[in-house]
Amino acid sequence: MSKYIVEITYCTQCRWLLRAAWLAQELLTTFEQDLYSVALRPGTGGIFEVRLNDALIFSRKEAGRFPESKEIKQLVRDRVDPDRHLGHSDKTTLED
């Protein structure tokens, strides 16, 4: 089984370290067997990006907002283990 590396780049000027650390905790808790590491990378200029194995999966600049934790969990899950159910963090459907 491959292990994945998540990098969260956050703006130090904007003081977004706590937000990045909280998101890292959420990912490590949910994907503890799948992740090799979650790295916090300081940046500037309002950056808040999440990468999985160097592939950009979320950009605050592109989205125009911060991600929800369930959104990031779904994006990671879709690449790491698409068949995994995330419980209450999973997408809800109107069809049953």
Protein backbone atom coordinates (compact mmCIF):
# COMPACT_ATOMS: atom_id res chain seq x y z
CA MET A 1 0.00 0.00 0.00
CA SER A 2 1.30 3.45 -0.92
CA LYS A 3 1.56 6.15 1.66
CA TYR A 4 0.52 9.67 0.74
CA ILE A 5 2.02 13.04 1.65
CA VAL A 6 -0.21 16.03 2.28
CA GLU A 7 1.19 19.55 2.31
CA ILE A 8 -0.80 22.49 3.61
CA THR A 9 0.69 25.85 2.69
CA TYR A 10 -0.67 28.72 4.77
CA CYS A 11 -0.06 32.46 4.95
CA THR A 12 2.00 33.52 7.96
CA GLN A 13 1.12 37.19 7.37
CA CYS A 14 -2.57 36.31 7.73
CA ARG A 15 -1.96 34.15 10.82
CA TRP A 16 -3.56 31.03 9.33
CA LEU A 17 -1.33 28.54 11.16
CA LEU A 18 -4.10 27.41 13.53
CA ARG A 19 -6.47 26.78 10.63
CA ALA A 20 -3.79 24.75 8.82
CA ALA A 21 -2.91 22.78 11.96
CA TRP A 22 -6.56 21.98 12.63
CA LEU A 23 -6.99 20.71 9.08
CA ALA A 24 -3.82 18.61 9.45
CA GLN A 25 -5.25 17.06 12.63
CA GLU A 26 -8.50 16.23 10.85
CA LEU A 27 -6.66 14.52 8.01
CA LEU A 28 -4.31 12.60 10.29
CA THR A 29 -7.23 11.36 12.35
CA THR A 30 -9.27 10.26 9.34
CA PHE A 31 -6.44 8.81 7.23
CA GLU A 32 -3.99 7.65 9.90
CA GLN A 33 -3.15 4.40 8.07
CA ASP A 34 -2.89 5.98 4.62
CA LEU A 35 -0.78 9.09 5.15
CA TYR A 36 2.99 9.13 5.42
CA SER A 37 2.93 12.70 6.64
CA VAL A 38 1.07 15.99 6.74
CA ALA A 39 3.41 18.95 6.42
CA LEU A 40 2.64 22.56 7.26
CA ARG A 41 4.47 24.95 4.94
CA PRO A 42 4.61 28.65 5.79
CA GLY A 43 3.92 31.03 2.93
CA THR A 44 2.88 34.62 2.30
CA GLY A 45 0.50 36.63 0.18
CA GLY A 46 -2.76 35.10 1.41
CA ILE A 47 -1.92 31.56 0.31
CA PHE A 48 -3.85 28.57 1.61
CA GLU A 49 -3.32 25.47 -0.51
CA VAL A 50 -3.60 21.74 0.04
CA ARG A 51 -1.52 19.31 -2.02
CA LEU A 52 -1.55 15.54 -2.10
CA ASN A 53 1.72 14.03 -3.41
CA ASP A 54 2.54 17.40 -5.02
CA ALA A 55 -0.83 17.62 -6.84
CA LEU A 56 -2.88 20.69 -5.93
CA ILE A 57 -6.27 19.56 -4.61
CA PHE A 58 -7.49 22.84 -3.10
CA SER A 59 -6.54 26.49 -3.50
CA ARG A 60 -8.17 29.28 -1.50
CA LYS A 61 -7.29 31.68 -4.31
CA GLU A 62 -8.98 29.56 -6.98
CA ALA A 63 -12.03 28.73 -4.86
CA GLY A 64 -12.39 32.21 -3.36
CA ARG A 65 -12.90 30.72 0.10
CA PHE A 66 -11.43 28.40 2.69
CA PRO A 67 -12.18 24.69 2.41
CA GLU A 68 -14.49 22.83 4.74
CA SER A 69 -12.77 19.91 6.47
CA LYS A 70 -15.26 17.45 5.01
CA GLU A 71 -14.52 18.79 1.54
CA ILE A 72 -10.78 18.19 1.95
CA LYS A 73 -11.44 14.74 3.42
CA GLN A 74 -13.56 13.87 0.40
CA LEU A 75 -10.89 15.12 -2.01
CA VAL A 76 -8.20 13.09 -0.25
CA ARG A 77 -10.45 10.02 -0.01
CA ASP A 78 -11.29 10.19 -3.72
CA ARG A 79 -7.57 9.82 -4.51
CA VAL A 80 -6.46 7.55 -1.66
CA ASP A 81 -9.36 5.11 -1.26
CA PRO A 82 -12.41 5.97 -3.40
CA ASP A 83 -14.54 3.19 -1.89
CA ARG A 84 -14.06 4.36 1.71
CA HIS A 85 -17.12 5.74 3.47
CA LEU A 86 -16.39 8.81 5.60
CA GLY A 87 -19.43 8.61 7.84
CA HIS A 88 -20.94 11.99 8.65
CA SER A 89 -18.21 13.71 6.62
CA ASP A 90 -19.30 11.97 3.47
CA LYS A 91 -21.32 13.50 0.68
CA THR A 92 -25.01 13.27 1.24
CA THR A 93 -27.25 12.29 -1.62
CA LEU A 94 -30.89 13.07 -2.19
CA GLU A 95 -31.38 9.68 -3.84
CA ASP A 96 -31.76 6.58 -1.66
